[in-house]
Amino acid sequence: MLDVTPAPDLHLLLAPGDQAEFVALCRWTTRTGRAETSWLYVVLHRRHGDWTHAYRVVPDRRPGHLAIYLERAEPGDRRGALRAWLRDHATLVDDRR
């Protein structure tokens, strides 16, 4: 995993009552084999019942823009499980390079 980089602003992703937790900053290998510097988050969304999402945030090709990828979603409060899944996947990705 990587060292310090300014965290992205997630305000457009979050509704009142949602909870976002930073998991890691890492190099993430995409399905196409490209490695991207990525911020990993788990978010508990509460607006339409509890849903936990695992997000990956990357700098977009356009300067000053971000791309947000939903990597996994599960019903209920599954922050611990998705946090572990992201860490395992990030470690697995880092070990392949």
Protein backbone atom coordinates (compact mmCIF):
# COMPACT_ATOMS: atom_id res chain seq x y z
CA MET A 1 0.00 0.00 0.00
CA LEU A 2 1.09 3.57 -0.63
CA ASP A 3 1.95 6.46 1.66
CA VAL A 4 0.33 9.83 2.20
CA THR A 5 -1.74 11.48 -0.54
CA PRO A 6 -4.61 13.97 -0.01
CA ALA A 7 -7.90 12.14 0.42
CA PRO A 8 -10.70 12.73 -2.09
CA ASP A 9 -13.83 14.68 -1.18
CA LEU A 10 -16.73 12.21 -1.06
CA HIS A 11 -19.54 14.69 -0.35
CA LEU A 12 -21.34 13.96 -3.64
CA LEU A 13 -21.40 10.25 -2.78
CA LEU A 14 -22.81 10.58 0.73
CA ALA A 15 -26.33 11.37 1.91
CA PRO A 16 -27.14 12.58 5.43
CA GLY A 17 -26.65 9.67 7.83
CA ASP A 18 -24.21 7.76 5.59
CA GLN A 19 -20.89 6.75 7.08
CA ALA A 20 -17.67 6.51 5.03
CA GLU A 21 -14.54 4.78 6.30
CA PHE A 22 -11.16 5.03 4.61
CA VAL A 23 -9.57 1.58 4.17
CA ALA A 24 -6.34 2.03 2.22
CA LEU A 25 -4.40 3.85 -0.46
CA CYS A 26 -2.95 1.29 -2.85
CA ARG A 27 -2.12 0.30 -6.41
CA TRP A 28 -5.16 -1.58 -7.75
CA THR A 29 -4.94 -3.70 -10.86
CA THR A 30 -8.04 -3.36 -13.03
CA ARG A 31 -9.66 -6.11 -15.08
CA THR A 32 -7.68 -4.83 -18.08
CA GLY A 33 -4.38 -5.24 -16.20
CA ARG A 34 -3.71 -1.53 -15.67
CA ALA A 35 -2.49 -0.55 -12.17
CA GLU A 36 -4.14 2.57 -10.74
CA THR A 37 -3.42 4.48 -7.56
CA SER A 38 -6.68 4.07 -5.66
CA TRP A 39 -8.28 5.19 -2.43
CA LEU A 40 -10.44 2.42 -0.97
CA TYR A 41 -13.53 3.14 1.13
CA VAL A 42 -16.43 1.29 2.69
CA VAL A 43 -19.63 3.28 2.97
CA LEU A 44 -22.72 2.43 4.98
CA HIS A 45 -25.68 3.97 3.11
CA ARG A 46 -28.85 4.31 5.19
CA ARG A 47 -31.29 6.19 2.97
CA HIS A 48 -33.22 3.17 1.61
CA GLY A 49 -32.35 0.66 4.31
CA ASP A 50 -28.81 -0.28 5.26
CA TRP A 51 -26.50 -1.17 2.37
CA THR A 52 -22.72 -1.36 2.55
CA HIS A 53 -20.67 -0.52 -0.53
CA ALA A 54 -16.96 -0.98 -1.24
CA TYR A 55 -15.73 1.92 -3.40
CA ARG A 56 -12.50 2.60 -5.23
CA VAL A 57 -11.71 6.24 -6.01
CA VAL A 58 -9.11 7.14 -8.65
CA PRO A 59 -7.94 10.34 -10.32
CA ASP A 60 -9.74 10.70 -13.64
CA ARG A 61 -7.95 11.40 -16.91
CA ARG A 62 -9.32 14.94 -16.72
CA PRO A 63 -7.27 17.03 -14.26
CA GLY A 64 -9.13 17.76 -11.03
CA HIS A 65 -11.75 15.05 -11.56
CA LEU A 66 -12.23 11.71 -9.82
CA ALA A 67 -13.73 8.42 -10.96
CA ILE A 68 -15.59 6.32 -8.40
CA TYR A 69 -16.02 2.58 -8.91
CA LEU A 70 -18.43 0.44 -6.92
CA GLU A 71 -16.42 -2.74 -6.41
CA ARG A 72 -18.89 -4.64 -4.23
CA ALA A 73 -22.25 -4.13 -2.44
CA GLU A 74 -23.96 -6.09 0.32
CA PRO A 75 -27.22 -5.58 2.22
CA GLY A 76 -27.01 -4.53 5.87
CA ASP A 77 -24.07 -3.21 7.86
CA ARG A 78 -21.21 -5.28 6.41
CA ARG A 79 -18.43 -2.74 6.89
CA GLY A 80 -16.08 -5.21 8.58
CA ALA A 81 -16.49 -7.85 5.88
CA LEU A 82 -16.08 -5.40 3.00
CA ARG A 83 -13.14 -3.67 4.69
CA ALA A 84 -11.41 -7.07 4.95
CA TRP A 85 -12.33 -7.90 1.33
CA LEU A 86 -10.81 -4.62 0.08
CA ARG A 87 -7.63 -5.12 2.14
CA ASP A 88 -7.26 -8.70 0.94
CA HIS A 89 -7.78 -7.69 -2.66
CA ALA A 90 -5.39 -4.73 -2.39
CA THR A 91 -2.72 -6.95 -0.85
CA LEU A 92 -3.29 -9.59 -3.51
CA VAL A 93 -3.01 -6.94 -6.22
CA ASP A 94 0.17 -5.47 -4.69
CA ASP A 95 1.75 -8.94 -4.48
CA ARG A 96 1.25 -9.58 -8.20
CA ARG A 97 3.36 -6.61 -9.28
